[in-house]
Amino acid sequence: MVVASVPDETVGPPIIPLTDPAYTLADASALLGVSEPTLRRLISEGEISRTQVGHSPRILRSDIEEYLERHRVPSIGQAS
């Protein structure tokens, strides 16, 4: 009698769908309007968070939006 093996779904880390886009440092620096070295400095100073995907650092869109919101300057006549 031959028994077919069923793959064990518990092997390895779970695959979690990425719902928040992750940008390379080049793309994130372009979105922020800063150079890559400046973005790396902001990361090292803890001003903006990064996520590691394999060996590549990535910046989540939500982290970019959070950074921009923290550094937003109100318009003249606009309450802060």
N, C-alpha and C. Protein backbone atom coordinates (compact mmCIF):
# COMPACT_ATOMS: atom_id res chain seq x y z
N MET A 1 0.84 -1.18 0.00
CA MET A 1 0.00 0.00 0.00
C MET A 1 0.89 1.25 0.00
N VAL A 2 0.58 2.19 -0.88
CA VAL A 2 1.34 3.45 -0.98
C VAL A 2 0.50 4.55 -0.35
N VAL A 3 1.13 5.31 0.52
CA VAL A 3 0.44 6.41 1.19
C VAL A 3 1.07 7.72 0.70
N ALA A 4 0.26 8.59 0.19
CA ALA A 4 0.75 9.89 -0.28
C ALA A 4 1.05 10.76 0.92
N SER A 5 2.18 11.45 0.84
CA SER A 5 2.52 12.34 1.95
C SER A 5 1.85 13.70 1.76
N VAL A 6 1.42 14.23 2.84
CA VAL A 6 0.77 15.54 2.84
C VAL A 6 1.76 16.54 3.42
N PRO A 7 2.05 17.65 2.70
CA PRO A 7 3.01 18.61 3.23
C PRO A 7 2.52 19.18 4.57
N ASP A 8 3.46 19.31 5.47
CA ASP A 8 3.16 19.86 6.79
C ASP A 8 3.13 21.38 6.67
N GLU A 9 1.98 21.97 6.86
CA GLU A 9 1.82 23.42 6.71
C GLU A 9 2.40 24.20 7.87
N THR A 10 2.84 23.51 8.92
CA THR A 10 3.39 24.21 10.08
C THR A 10 4.90 24.41 9.97
N VAL A 11 5.52 23.93 8.89
CA VAL A 11 6.96 24.07 8.72
C VAL A 11 7.27 25.45 8.17
N GLY A 12 8.21 26.13 8.78
CA GLY A 12 8.63 27.45 8.32
C GLY A 12 7.75 28.55 8.87
N PRO A 13 8.22 29.78 8.70
CA PRO A 13 7.44 30.92 9.21
C PRO A 13 6.18 31.13 8.40
N PRO A 14 5.15 31.66 9.02
CA PRO A 14 3.93 31.92 8.26
C PRO A 14 4.15 33.04 7.24
N ILE A 15 3.46 32.96 6.15
CA ILE A 15 3.54 34.00 5.13
C ILE A 15 2.43 35.00 5.44
N ILE A 16 2.84 36.22 5.69
CA ILE A 16 1.90 37.28 6.04
C ILE A 16 1.79 38.22 4.85
N PRO A 17 0.60 38.43 4.31
CA PRO A 17 0.48 39.34 3.17
C PRO A 17 0.83 40.76 3.58
N LEU A 18 1.57 41.44 2.74
CA LEU A 18 1.98 42.81 3.00
C LEU A 18 0.92 43.76 2.46
N THR A 19 0.19 44.39 3.35
CA THR A 19 -0.87 45.30 2.93
C THR A 19 -0.39 46.74 2.91
N ASP A 20 0.73 47.01 3.54
CA ASP A 20 1.31 48.35 3.59
C ASP A 20 2.52 48.34 2.65
N PRO A 21 2.47 49.06 1.53
CA PRO A 21 3.59 49.01 0.58
C PRO A 21 4.93 49.33 1.24
N ALA A 22 5.95 48.60 0.85
CA ALA A 22 7.30 48.80 1.36
C ALA A 22 8.18 49.32 0.22
N TYR A 23 8.89 50.41 0.48
CA TYR A 23 9.71 51.06 -0.54
C TYR A 23 11.18 50.82 -0.28
N THR A 24 11.96 50.74 -1.36
CA THR A 24 13.41 50.69 -1.22
C THR A 24 13.86 52.04 -0.68
N LEU A 25 15.10 52.11 -0.22
CA LEU A 25 15.61 53.39 0.27
C LEU A 25 15.64 54.43 -0.85
N ALA A 26 15.95 53.99 -2.07
CA ALA A 26 15.97 54.93 -3.21
C ALA A 26 14.58 55.50 -3.46
N ASP A 27 13.56 54.62 -3.46
CA ASP A 27 12.19 55.08 -3.70
C ASP A 27 11.68 55.96 -2.55
N ALA A 28 11.97 55.54 -1.32
CA ALA A 28 11.51 56.30 -0.16
C ALA A 28 12.17 57.67 -0.11
N SER A 29 13.47 57.75 -0.42
CA SER A 29 14.15 59.04 -0.40
C SER A 29 13.58 59.96 -1.49
N ALA A 30 13.22 59.40 -2.65
CA ALA A 30 12.60 60.20 -3.70
C ALA A 30 11.23 60.72 -3.26
N LEU A 31 10.45 59.86 -2.60
CA LEU A 31 9.13 60.30 -2.09
C LEU A 31 9.26 61.42 -1.07
N LEU A 32 10.29 61.32 -0.23
CA LEU A 32 10.50 62.33 0.81
C LEU A 32 11.23 63.57 0.30
N GLY A 33 11.84 63.47 -0.87
CA GLY A 33 12.58 64.59 -1.42
C GLY A 33 13.91 64.82 -0.73
N VAL A 34 14.52 63.72 -0.25
CA VAL A 34 15.84 63.81 0.41
C VAL A 34 16.77 62.80 -0.26
N SER A 35 18.05 62.93 -0.01
CA SER A 35 19.01 61.99 -0.57
C SER A 35 19.00 60.69 0.24
N GLU A 36 19.54 59.64 -0.34
CA GLU A 36 19.64 58.37 0.39
C GLU A 36 20.48 58.50 1.65
N PRO A 37 21.64 59.21 1.60
CA PRO A 37 22.40 59.37 2.84
C PRO A 37 21.60 60.10 3.93
N THR A 38 20.79 61.07 3.54
CA THR A 38 19.95 61.77 4.52
C THR A 38 18.91 60.81 5.09
N LEU A 39 18.31 59.99 4.25
CA LEU A 39 17.34 59.01 4.73
C LEU A 39 18.01 58.02 5.68
N ARG A 40 19.20 57.57 5.36
CA ARG A 40 19.93 56.66 6.24
C ARG A 40 20.21 57.32 7.59
N ARG A 41 20.54 58.61 7.57
CA ARG A 41 20.76 59.35 8.82
C ARG A 41 19.48 59.42 9.63
N LEU A 42 18.35 59.73 8.97
CA LEU A 42 17.06 59.79 9.66
C LEU A 42 16.72 58.44 10.29
N ILE A 43 17.05 57.36 9.61
CA ILE A 43 16.81 56.03 10.16
C ILE A 43 17.69 55.79 11.38
N SER A 44 18.99 56.11 11.25
CA SER A 44 19.91 55.86 12.37
C SER A 44 19.60 56.72 13.58
N GLU A 45 19.01 57.90 13.36
CA GLU A 45 18.63 58.79 14.46
C GLU A 45 17.26 58.43 15.04
N GLY A 46 16.59 57.45 14.43
CA GLY A 46 15.29 57.03 14.93
C GLY A 46 14.14 57.93 14.49
N GLU A 47 14.38 58.79 13.51
CA GLU A 47 13.35 59.70 13.02
C GLU A 47 12.32 58.99 12.14
N ILE A 48 12.78 57.96 11.45
CA ILE A 48 11.89 57.19 10.60
C ILE A 48 12.24 55.71 10.76
N SER A 49 11.23 54.87 10.79
CA SER A 49 11.44 53.44 11.00
C SER A 49 11.75 52.74 9.69
N ARG A 50 12.42 51.60 9.81
CA ARG A 50 12.67 50.78 8.63
C ARG A 50 12.31 49.34 8.97
N THR A 51 12.04 48.58 7.93
CA THR A 51 11.72 47.17 8.03
C THR A 51 12.76 46.42 7.22
N GLN A 52 13.14 45.25 7.66
CA GLN A 52 14.12 44.45 6.93
C GLN A 52 13.39 43.37 6.14
N VAL A 53 13.63 43.31 4.84
CA VAL A 53 13.08 42.27 3.98
C VAL A 53 14.28 41.51 3.43
N GLY A 54 14.55 40.35 4.00
CA GLY A 54 15.77 39.63 3.64
C GLY A 54 16.96 40.45 4.09
N HIS A 55 17.83 40.78 3.14
CA HIS A 55 18.99 41.61 3.45
C HIS A 55 18.77 43.07 3.08
N SER A 56 17.58 43.39 2.62
CA SER A 56 17.31 44.73 2.10
C SER A 56 16.42 45.54 3.04
N PRO A 57 16.87 46.74 3.42
CA PRO A 57 16.01 47.59 4.24
C PRO A 57 14.87 48.15 3.40
N ARG A 58 13.71 48.27 3.99
CA ARG A 58 12.54 48.83 3.32
C ARG A 58 11.87 49.82 4.27
N ILE A 59 11.21 50.80 3.69
CA ILE A 59 10.46 51.79 4.45
C ILE A 59 8.99 51.60 4.11
N LEU A 60 8.17 51.38 5.12
CA LEU A 60 6.74 51.21 4.90
C LEU A 60 6.09 52.56 4.62
N ARG A 61 5.08 52.55 3.77
CA ARG A 61 4.37 53.79 3.45
C ARG A 61 3.81 54.44 4.72
N SER A 62 3.31 53.63 5.63
CA SER A 62 2.76 54.18 6.87
C SER A 62 3.84 54.89 7.69
N ASP A 63 5.09 54.41 7.63
CA ASP A 63 6.18 55.08 8.35
C ASP A 63 6.54 56.41 7.68
N ILE A 64 6.46 56.45 6.36
CA ILE A 64 6.71 57.71 5.64
C ILE A 64 5.62 58.72 6.00
N GLU A 65 4.35 58.28 5.98
CA GLU A 65 3.24 59.17 6.31
C GLU A 65 3.34 59.67 7.75
N GLU A 66 3.73 58.79 8.67
CA GLU A 66 3.89 59.18 10.08
C GLU A 66 4.99 60.22 10.23
N TYR A 67 6.12 60.02 9.56
CA TYR A 67 7.23 60.98 9.61
C TYR A 67 6.78 62.33 9.07
N LEU A 68 6.10 62.33 7.92
CA LEU A 68 5.65 63.59 7.32
C LEU A 68 4.64 64.31 8.22
N GLU A 69 3.76 63.57 8.85
CA GLU A 69 2.78 64.18 9.73
C GLU A 69 3.45 64.81 10.95
N ARG A 70 4.46 64.15 11.51
CA ARG A 70 5.18 64.70 12.67
C ARG A 70 5.93 65.98 12.31
N HIS A 71 6.34 66.13 11.06
CA HIS A 71 7.14 67.29 10.65
C HIS A 71 6.34 68.28 9.81
N ARG A 72 5.05 68.15 9.87
CA ARG A 72 4.16 69.05 9.12
C ARG A 72 4.17 70.43 9.77
N VAL A 73 4.27 71.44 8.93
CA VAL A 73 4.22 72.82 9.40
C VAL A 73 2.87 73.39 9.01
N PRO A 74 2.08 73.89 9.98
CA PRO A 74 0.77 74.43 9.63
C PRO A 74 0.88 75.67 8.76
N SER A 75 -0.11 75.85 7.92
CA SER A 75 -0.16 77.05 7.07
C SER A 75 -0.41 78.28 7.94
N ILE A 76 -0.08 79.44 7.42
CA ILE A 76 -0.34 80.69 8.14
C ILE A 76 -1.84 80.81 8.37
N GLY A 77 -2.21 81.11 9.60
CA GLY A 77 -3.61 81.24 9.94
C GLY A 77 -4.30 79.95 10.28
N GLN A 78 -3.57 78.84 10.18
CA GLN A 78 -4.14 77.53 10.50
C GLN A 78 -3.72 77.16 11.92
N ALA A 79 -4.69 76.76 12.72
CA ALA A 79 -4.38 76.37 14.09
C ALA A 79 -3.55 75.10 14.09
N SER A 80 -2.64 74.99 15.08
CA SER A 80 -1.78 73.81 15.15
C SER A 80 -2.33 72.71 15.98
